[in-house]
Amino acid sequence: MRKNIVIMNLLVAFFWMTMYSYVPNLPEYSRSLGADAVVLGVIGGVYGIAQIILRIPIGATSDKTGKNKLMLQVGMGVLAASCVALIFADNTNLIILGRLIAGAAAAWWVVLSATYADYHHDDLQVKAQGVLSASSNLGKVAATVIGGIMAQFFGVHSIFIFSFFLAVGCFVLASQLTDLPEKPKSGSLKNLFSLFKNRDLIVLSLIGILPMFLCFAAPTLFTIVAAQDLGASSLELGMLTMVFFLATAVTSLFVGTRMYKKIGGINALAIAFLICAFSLIPAFYHINLIVVFLMQAVSGFGFGITSSAIAGLVIRAVHPHQRGGATGIFQSVYGIGIFIGPVITGLIIKAVSFDASYWFLLALSIASALLCWLLIPKKYAAM
């Protein structure tokens, strides 16, 4: 069990390193190929489409078969295929295809999350998801540092090749896992459909759309564009994303601690959304790069709590043998935010202005905080 936990944390770090090593420089590269704000929104959003479609069946298959090692090997193969597509992408259509395949690979996050949950006792699920989130974000931090350096000195295309070799490393790590010998299986579609009657799961999944909407619209996409317009270099774009994920990793570890429980899970979530709202005040993105870096850190503090805390509550809302299916539903639903966040924001920017889009995101953050207080059952307040 301990060996599996160590391997899983390494695998998760390398998995997201593969996915995010080129993300900070992808808008710049896409713009060089002729992409406008709407096309950038599609490139950012298409990543969520495959996740919406695939995560529920992948989660259900995980519950039914218990063969998580084999499933993870397949997922790492899809991850490598996304890198190959981007290596040969010389126009925006092929970039969209590469990101679509990357989204399909990201759908395997449901198996990673559910498998990691199987290695921990029920009382430790929220904290375990916080640790897993920290590992994933540390991987993203390393990716943005290395990717930014490579883009600065060798060009953006070199990062796609680097990502491919990372994906091969992920496959090797997945091959070292050992399936649990007595993992309970859900056995039928009836058990999957019963999850849709779980009110707590559905409420948490719908709230889960909101941080993904905000994250994929602002700090990982259009904030990067704003920084580029302020004169940021390829290296600085990588550092900008690194700051966001480093802050996310730090606050992910806060989830499940004594202080977190003292504040209360629901209160902590609401406060985190309000922190995100502060980071989205449009004026901050017209001053200078130092202020933009600072707002990226503030945004990361909020996202680290919202993303990992909601994921942990989802695990607590279902029986152990339903974790794969429940996580699949949760991640498919929040995939809606990954898709529509960049698309809607891009449309607002093109139709109105950058400032209008960020005022809209700020209002959405405040509404998200209110929804946490109004909709999440009070029994989760201490979790």
Protein backbone atom coordinates (compact mmCIF):
# COMPACT_ATOMS: atom_id res chain seq x y z
CA MET A 1 0.00 0.00 0.00
CA ARG A 2 2.76 2.46 0.91
CA LYS A 3 4.58 1.67 -2.34
CA ASN A 4 1.43 2.34 -4.32
CA ILE A 5 0.88 5.68 -2.56
CA VAL A 6 4.43 6.81 -3.38
CA ILE A 7 4.13 5.70 -7.02
CA MET A 8 0.74 7.36 -7.37
CA ASN A 9 2.04 10.72 -6.14
CA LEU A 10 4.94 10.51 -8.60
CA LEU A 11 2.63 9.41 -11.40
CA VAL A 12 0.22 12.26 -10.73
CA ALA A 13 3.08 14.78 -10.72
CA PHE A 14 4.45 13.51 -14.05
CA PHE A 15 0.94 13.21 -15.51
CA TRP A 16 0.21 16.89 -14.98
CA MET A 17 3.77 17.86 -15.91
CA THR A 18 3.07 16.32 -19.30
CA MET A 19 -0.21 18.15 -19.65
CA TYR A 20 0.95 21.60 -18.52
CA SER A 21 4.53 21.98 -19.70
CA TYR A 22 3.32 23.71 -22.87
CA VAL A 23 0.12 25.36 -21.57
CA PRO A 24 1.68 28.75 -20.57
CA ASN A 25 3.10 29.20 -24.08
CA LEU A 26 0.22 27.68 -26.04
CA PRO A 27 -1.74 30.97 -26.37
CA GLU A 28 1.39 32.73 -27.67
CA TYR A 29 2.09 29.89 -30.13
CA SER A 30 -1.55 29.80 -31.25
CA ARG A 31 -1.62 33.55 -31.81
CA SER A 32 1.46 33.22 -34.00
CA LEU A 33 -0.60 30.85 -36.16
CA GLY A 34 -3.44 33.36 -36.46
CA ALA A 35 -5.71 32.58 -33.48
CA ASP A 36 -7.94 35.41 -32.17
CA ALA A 37 -9.72 35.57 -28.78
CA VAL A 38 -12.54 33.29 -29.91
CA VAL A 39 -10.17 30.65 -31.33
CA LEU A 40 -8.10 30.83 -28.15
CA GLY A 41 -11.31 30.22 -26.22
CA VAL A 42 -12.06 27.16 -28.36
CA ILE A 43 -8.51 25.85 -27.88
CA GLY A 44 -8.89 26.31 -24.14
CA GLY A 45 -12.41 24.92 -24.04
CA VAL A 46 -12.14 21.88 -26.30
CA TYR A 47 -9.91 20.34 -23.64
CA GLY A 48 -13.05 19.90 -21.53
CA ILE A 49 -15.25 18.25 -24.19
CA ALA A 50 -13.63 14.82 -24.09
CA GLN A 51 -13.64 14.92 -20.31
CA ILE A 52 -17.38 15.55 -20.23
CA ILE A 53 -17.98 12.57 -22.53
CA LEU A 54 -15.45 10.07 -21.16
CA ARG A 55 -15.14 10.47 -17.41
CA ILE A 56 -18.42 8.79 -16.43
CA PRO A 57 -17.85 5.61 -18.51
CA ILE A 58 -14.20 5.49 -17.43
CA GLY A 59 -15.18 5.81 -13.77
CA ALA A 60 -17.90 3.18 -14.14
CA THR A 61 -15.45 0.79 -15.82
CA SER A 62 -12.98 1.34 -12.99
CA ASP A 63 -15.63 0.40 -10.42
CA LYS A 64 -16.82 -2.60 -12.40
CA THR A 65 -13.47 -4.19 -13.23
CA GLY A 66 -11.14 -3.08 -10.43
CA LYS A 67 -8.32 -3.21 -13.03
CA ASN A 68 -6.98 0.24 -12.35
CA LYS A 69 -3.40 -0.57 -13.35
CA LEU A 70 -4.41 -1.62 -16.87
CA MET A 71 -6.75 1.35 -17.21
CA LEU A 72 -4.01 3.76 -16.18
CA GLN A 73 -1.64 2.25 -18.73
CA VAL A 74 -4.21 2.87 -21.45
CA GLY A 75 -4.68 6.44 -20.23
CA MET A 76 -0.96 7.13 -20.34
CA GLY A 77 -0.95 5.87 -23.94
CA VAL A 78 -3.65 8.41 -24.82
CA LEU A 79 -1.56 11.08 -23.07
CA ALA A 80 1.43 10.24 -25.27
CA ALA A 81 -0.81 10.39 -28.38
CA SER A 82 -1.88 13.95 -27.50
CA CYS A 83 1.77 15.00 -27.40
CA VAL A 84 2.42 13.41 -30.80
CA ALA A 85 -0.52 15.36 -32.27
CA LEU A 86 0.88 18.64 -30.95
CA ILE A 87 4.39 17.86 -32.20
CA PHE A 88 3.03 17.81 -35.77
CA ALA A 89 0.55 20.69 -35.31
CA ASP A 90 1.34 23.54 -37.70
CA ASN A 91 -2.08 25.26 -37.70
CA THR A 92 -4.80 26.06 -35.17
CA ASN A 93 -7.04 23.18 -36.28
CA LEU A 94 -4.35 20.63 -35.38
CA ILE A 95 -3.75 22.40 -32.07
CA ILE A 96 -7.47 22.04 -31.34
CA LEU A 97 -7.19 18.32 -32.19
CA GLY A 98 -4.17 17.92 -29.93
CA ARG A 99 -5.96 19.59 -27.04
CA LEU A 100 -9.03 17.43 -27.65
CA ILE A 101 -6.88 14.29 -27.29
CA ALA A 102 -5.22 15.84 -24.23
CA GLY A 103 -8.70 16.28 -22.77
CA ALA A 104 -9.37 12.59 -23.41
CA ALA A 105 -6.18 11.77 -21.49
CA ALA A 106 -7.21 14.13 -18.68
CA ALA A 107 -10.39 12.05 -18.33
CA TRP A 108 -8.20 9.40 -16.70
CA TRP A 109 -7.85 11.74 -13.70
CA VAL A 110 -11.00 10.00 -12.46
CA VAL A 111 -9.07 6.71 -12.21
CA LEU A 112 -6.09 8.39 -10.58
CA SER A 113 -8.31 10.08 -7.98
CA ALA A 114 -10.44 7.01 -7.22
CA THR A 115 -7.43 4.69 -7.05
CA TYR A 116 -5.63 7.02 -4.65
CA ALA A 117 -8.78 7.16 -2.51
CA ASP A 118 -8.76 3.34 -2.29
CA TYR A 119 -5.39 3.53 -0.52
CA HIS A 120 -6.78 5.62 2.37
CA HIS A 121 -9.31 5.22 5.19
CA ASP A 122 -12.66 7.04 4.84
CA ASP A 123 -11.81 9.55 7.59
CA LEU A 124 -8.72 10.64 5.64
CA GLN A 125 -10.38 11.14 2.25
CA VAL A 126 -10.56 14.95 2.25
CA LYS A 127 -6.94 15.25 3.40
CA ALA A 128 -5.84 12.56 0.91
CA GLN A 129 -7.39 14.49 -1.97
CA GLY A 130 -5.59 17.59 -0.72
CA VAL A 131 -2.25 15.74 -0.81
CA LEU A 132 -3.04 14.37 -4.28
CA SER A 133 -3.93 17.88 -5.45
CA ALA A 134 -0.66 19.17 -4.02
CA SER A 135 1.30 16.51 -5.95
CA SER A 136 -0.53 17.39 -9.15
CA ASN A 137 0.13 21.09 -8.71
CA LEU A 138 3.79 20.58 -7.86
CA GLY A 139 4.02 18.69 -11.14
CA LYS A 140 2.44 21.66 -12.89
CA VAL A 141 4.91 23.99 -11.17
CA ALA A 142 7.87 21.95 -12.41
CA ALA A 143 6.31 21.80 -15.87
CA THR A 144 5.88 25.54 -16.17
CA VAL A 145 9.45 26.24 -15.00
CA ILE A 146 11.03 23.73 -17.37
CA GLY A 147 8.65 24.55 -20.20
CA GLY A 148 9.26 28.28 -19.86
CA ILE A 149 13.04 27.79 -19.99
CA MET A 150 12.78 25.48 -23.00
CA ALA A 151 10.47 27.87 -24.83
CA GLN A 152 12.84 30.77 -24.18
CA PHE A 153 15.94 29.02 -25.50
CA PHE A 154 14.71 26.29 -27.86
CA GLY A 155 11.27 27.44 -28.99
CA VAL A 156 7.75 26.29 -28.08
CA HIS A 157 7.89 23.24 -30.35
CA SER A 158 10.60 21.67 -28.18
CA ILE A 159 8.16 21.51 -25.25
CA PHE A 160 5.81 19.20 -27.15
CA ILE A 161 8.68 16.73 -27.61
CA PHE A 162 9.59 17.04 -23.93
CA SER A 163 5.97 16.31 -23.00
CA PHE A 164 6.00 13.13 -25.08
CA PHE A 165 8.93 11.71 -23.12
CA LEU A 166 7.19 12.66 -19.86
CA ALA A 167 4.13 10.69 -21.03
CA VAL A 168 6.33 7.63 -21.64
CA GLY A 169 7.60 8.01 -18.07
CA CYS A 170 3.99 8.05 -16.86
CA PHE A 171 3.35 4.73 -18.61
CA VAL A 172 6.39 3.21 -16.89
CA LEU A 173 5.22 4.42 -13.47
CA ALA A 174 1.68 3.10 -14.02
CA SER A 175 3.17 -0.29 -14.84
CA GLN A 176 4.75 -0.43 -11.37
CA LEU A 177 1.40 -0.23 -9.53
CA THR A 178 -0.24 -3.25 -7.91
CA ASP A 179 -4.03 -3.62 -8.09
CA LEU A 180 -5.77 -4.10 -4.75
CA PRO A 181 -6.56 -7.83 -4.44
CA GLU A 182 -10.01 -7.39 -2.87
CA LYS A 183 -11.29 -4.13 -4.29
CA PRO A 184 -15.13 -4.13 -4.19
CA LYS A 185 -16.81 -3.87 -7.58
CA SER A 186 -20.04 -2.04 -8.37
CA GLY A 187 -21.07 -4.75 -10.82
CA SER A 188 -23.84 -3.10 -12.89
CA LEU A 189 -25.14 0.04 -14.54
CA LYS A 190 -27.89 0.12 -11.91
CA ASN A 191 -25.34 1.16 -9.30
CA LEU A 192 -24.06 3.89 -11.60
CA PHE A 193 -27.54 5.26 -12.25
CA SER A 194 -28.27 5.24 -8.52
CA LEU A 195 -25.52 7.83 -8.10
CA PHE A 196 -27.59 10.34 -10.06
CA LYS A 197 -30.15 10.13 -7.22
CA ASN A 198 -27.50 11.13 -4.69
CA ARG A 199 -28.41 14.77 -4.04
CA ASP A 200 -25.17 15.57 -2.24
CA LEU A 201 -23.10 14.26 -5.15
CA ILE A 202 -25.08 16.26 -7.71
CA VAL A 203 -24.91 19.48 -5.66
CA LEU A 204 -21.16 19.16 -5.13
CA SER A 205 -20.63 18.32 -8.81
CA LEU A 206 -22.57 21.38 -9.95
CA ILE A 207 -20.60 23.61 -7.58
CA GLY A 208 -17.45 21.95 -8.95
CA ILE A 209 -18.18 23.54 -12.34
CA LEU A 210 -17.48 26.99 -10.91
CA PRO A 211 -13.78 26.80 -9.93
CA MET A 212 -12.98 25.07 -13.23
CA PHE A 213 -14.85 27.78 -15.15
CA LEU A 214 -12.78 30.42 -13.36
CA CYS A 215 -9.44 28.60 -13.57
CA PHE A 216 -9.54 27.76 -17.27
CA ALA A 217 -10.93 31.17 -18.24
CA ALA A 218 -8.58 33.43 -16.28
CA PRO A 219 -5.29 32.27 -14.65
CA THR A 220 -4.40 29.57 -17.18
CA LEU A 221 -5.54 31.37 -20.35
CA PHE A 222 -6.59 35.01 -20.65
CA THR A 223 -4.41 36.25 -17.78
CA ILE A 224 -1.52 34.80 -19.80
CA VAL A 225 -2.72 36.79 -22.83
CA ALA A 226 -2.93 39.95 -20.70
CA ALA A 227 0.64 39.39 -19.49
CA GLN A 228 1.84 38.88 -23.05
CA ASP A 229 0.23 42.19 -24.02
CA LEU A 230 2.19 43.81 -21.17
CA GLY A 231 5.40 42.52 -22.75
CA ALA A 232 5.99 39.22 -20.90
CA SER A 233 8.59 36.92 -22.46
CA SER A 234 8.13 33.18 -23.00
CA LEU A 235 10.04 32.51 -19.79
CA GLU A 236 7.91 34.99 -17.85
CA LEU A 237 4.72 33.38 -19.18
CA GLY A 238 5.94 30.07 -17.79
CA MET A 239 6.81 31.67 -14.46
CA LEU A 240 3.35 33.26 -14.34
CA THR A 241 1.63 29.89 -14.55
CA MET A 242 4.18 28.45 -12.11
CA VAL A 243 3.18 31.03 -9.49
CA PHE A 244 -0.47 30.07 -9.86
CA PHE A 245 0.14 26.34 -9.43
CA LEU A 246 2.66 26.80 -6.62
CA ALA A 247 0.08 28.79 -4.66
CA THR A 248 -2.50 26.12 -5.50
CA ALA A 249 -0.23 23.35 -4.21
CA VAL A 250 0.40 25.15 -0.92
CA THR A 251 -3.26 25.75 -0.14
CA SER A 252 -4.23 22.23 -1.24
CA LEU A 253 -2.18 20.96 1.71
CA PHE A 254 -4.19 23.29 3.98
CA VAL A 255 -7.37 21.32 3.20
CA GLY A 256 -8.15 18.79 5.92
CA THR A 257 -5.90 20.39 8.56
CA ARG A 258 -7.06 21.34 12.05
CA MET A 259 -7.34 25.01 11.13
CA TYR A 260 -9.36 24.13 8.02
CA LYS A 261 -11.76 22.06 10.12
CA LYS A 262 -11.98 24.86 12.70
CA ILE A 263 -13.05 27.31 9.99
CA GLY A 264 -15.42 24.69 8.60
CA GLY A 265 -15.38 23.08 5.18
CA ILE A 266 -18.29 25.11 3.79
CA ASN A 267 -16.97 28.42 5.17
CA ALA A 268 -13.50 27.67 3.81
CA LEU A 269 -14.93 27.00 0.34
CA ALA A 270 -16.94 30.22 0.34
CA ILE A 271 -13.98 32.29 1.55
CA ALA A 272 -11.79 30.72 -1.14
CA PHE A 273 -14.26 31.80 -3.85
CA LEU A 274 -14.19 35.34 -2.44
CA ILE A 275 -10.38 35.27 -2.63
CA CYS A 276 -10.73 34.32 -6.29
CA ALA A 277 -13.12 37.23 -6.78
CA PHE A 278 -10.55 39.71 -5.45
CA SER A 279 -7.93 38.37 -7.87
CA LEU A 280 -10.23 39.08 -10.84
CA ILE A 281 -10.54 42.88 -10.43
CA PRO A 282 -9.74 44.00 -14.01
CA ALA A 283 -7.65 47.05 -13.05
CA PHE A 284 -4.89 44.80 -11.69
CA TYR A 285 -4.17 43.50 -15.20
CA HIS A 286 -3.32 46.90 -16.69
CA ILE A 287 -0.67 48.07 -14.19
CA ASN A 288 2.46 45.96 -14.68
CA LEU A 289 3.69 42.37 -14.65
CA ILE A 290 4.51 42.42 -10.93
CA VAL A 291 0.85 43.02 -10.08
CA VAL A 292 -0.25 40.32 -12.52
CA PHE A 293 2.12 37.86 -10.81
CA LEU A 294 0.66 38.83 -7.44
CA MET A 295 -2.91 38.27 -8.65
CA GLN A 296 -1.91 34.86 -10.03
CA ALA A 297 -0.75 33.89 -6.54
CA VAL A 298 -3.99 35.15 -4.96
CA SER A 299 -6.03 33.24 -7.53
CA GLY A 300 -4.00 30.09 -6.82
CA PHE A 301 -4.70 30.37 -3.09
CA GLY A 302 -8.42 30.33 -3.80
CA PHE A 303 -8.36 27.59 -6.41
CA GLY A 304 -6.22 25.27 -4.28
CA ILE A 305 -8.89 25.15 -1.58
CA THR A 306 -11.94 24.98 -3.85
CA SER A 307 -10.68 22.24 -6.16
CA SER A 308 -9.29 19.82 -3.56
CA ALA A 309 -11.98 20.38 -0.90
CA ILE A 310 -14.87 19.71 -3.29
CA ALA A 311 -13.13 16.59 -4.62
CA GLY A 312 -12.71 15.28 -1.07
CA LEU A 313 -16.35 15.93 -0.20
CA VAL A 314 -17.45 14.00 -3.29
CA ILE A 315 -15.50 10.96 -2.07
CA ARG A 316 -17.18 11.28 1.34
CA ALA A 317 -20.64 11.51 -0.25
CA VAL A 318 -20.63 7.94 -1.63
CA HIS A 319 -19.78 4.35 -0.64
CA PRO A 320 -16.22 3.11 -1.29
CA HIS A 321 -17.28 0.81 -4.15
CA GLN A 322 -18.90 3.80 -5.92
CA ARG A 323 -15.87 6.10 -5.88
CA GLY A 324 -14.90 5.59 -9.51
CA GLY A 325 -18.42 6.24 -10.79
CA ALA A 326 -18.98 9.17 -8.44
CA THR A 327 -15.65 10.75 -9.35
CA GLY A 328 -16.48 10.20 -13.01
CA ILE A 329 -19.80 12.03 -12.63
CA PHE A 330 -18.16 14.84 -10.65
CA GLN A 331 -15.31 15.31 -13.10
CA SER A 332 -17.58 15.04 -16.16
CA VAL A 333 -19.84 17.73 -14.74
CA TYR A 334 -16.99 20.06 -13.85
CA GLY A 335 -15.65 19.46 -17.36
CA ILE A 336 -18.51 21.72 -18.44
CA GLY A 337 -16.72 24.55 -16.66
CA ILE A 338 -13.44 23.69 -18.40
CA PHE A 339 -15.21 23.92 -21.77
CA ILE A 340 -17.55 26.89 -21.40
CA GLY A 341 -15.27 29.05 -19.21
CA PRO A 342 -12.71 29.91 -21.91
CA VAL A 343 -15.33 30.01 -24.69
CA ILE A 344 -17.70 32.43 -22.91
CA THR A 345 -14.83 34.60 -21.69
CA GLY A 346 -13.34 34.74 -25.19
CA LEU A 347 -16.70 35.77 -26.65
CA ILE A 348 -17.11 38.54 -24.06
CA ILE A 349 -13.60 39.83 -24.74
CA LYS A 350 -14.22 39.96 -28.50
CA ALA A 351 -17.73 41.44 -28.22
CA VAL A 352 -17.07 43.90 -25.37
CA SER A 353 -13.64 44.02 -23.70
CA PHE A 354 -11.15 42.24 -21.47
CA ASP A 355 -12.36 44.25 -18.47
CA ALA A 356 -15.99 43.25 -19.04
CA SER A 357 -15.06 39.56 -19.09
CA TYR A 358 -13.17 39.82 -15.79
CA TRP A 359 -16.02 41.74 -14.12
CA PHE A 360 -18.26 38.88 -15.21
CA LEU A 361 -15.85 36.30 -13.70
CA LEU A 362 -15.64 38.34 -10.48
CA ALA A 363 -19.44 38.33 -10.15
CA LEU A 364 -19.49 34.59 -10.80
CA SER A 365 -16.95 34.06 -7.99
CA ILE A 366 -19.11 35.95 -5.50
CA ALA A 367 -22.19 34.00 -6.61
CA SER A 368 -20.21 30.78 -6.11
CA ALA A 369 -19.47 31.70 -2.50
CA LEU A 370 -23.16 32.31 -1.85
CA LEU A 371 -24.10 28.97 -3.44
CA CYS A 372 -21.69 27.15 -1.10
CA TRP A 373 -23.47 28.59 1.94
CA LEU A 374 -26.93 27.97 0.50
CA LEU A 375 -26.66 24.54 -1.14
CA ILE A 376 -23.98 22.37 0.49
CA PRO A 377 -25.54 20.27 3.31
CA LYS A 378 -24.43 21.42 6.77
CA LYS A 379 -23.20 17.91 7.67
CA TYR A 380 -20.13 18.63 5.50
CA ALA A 381 -19.22 21.76 7.45
CA ALA A 382 -16.71 19.89 9.65
CA MET A 383 -15.21 17.76 6.88
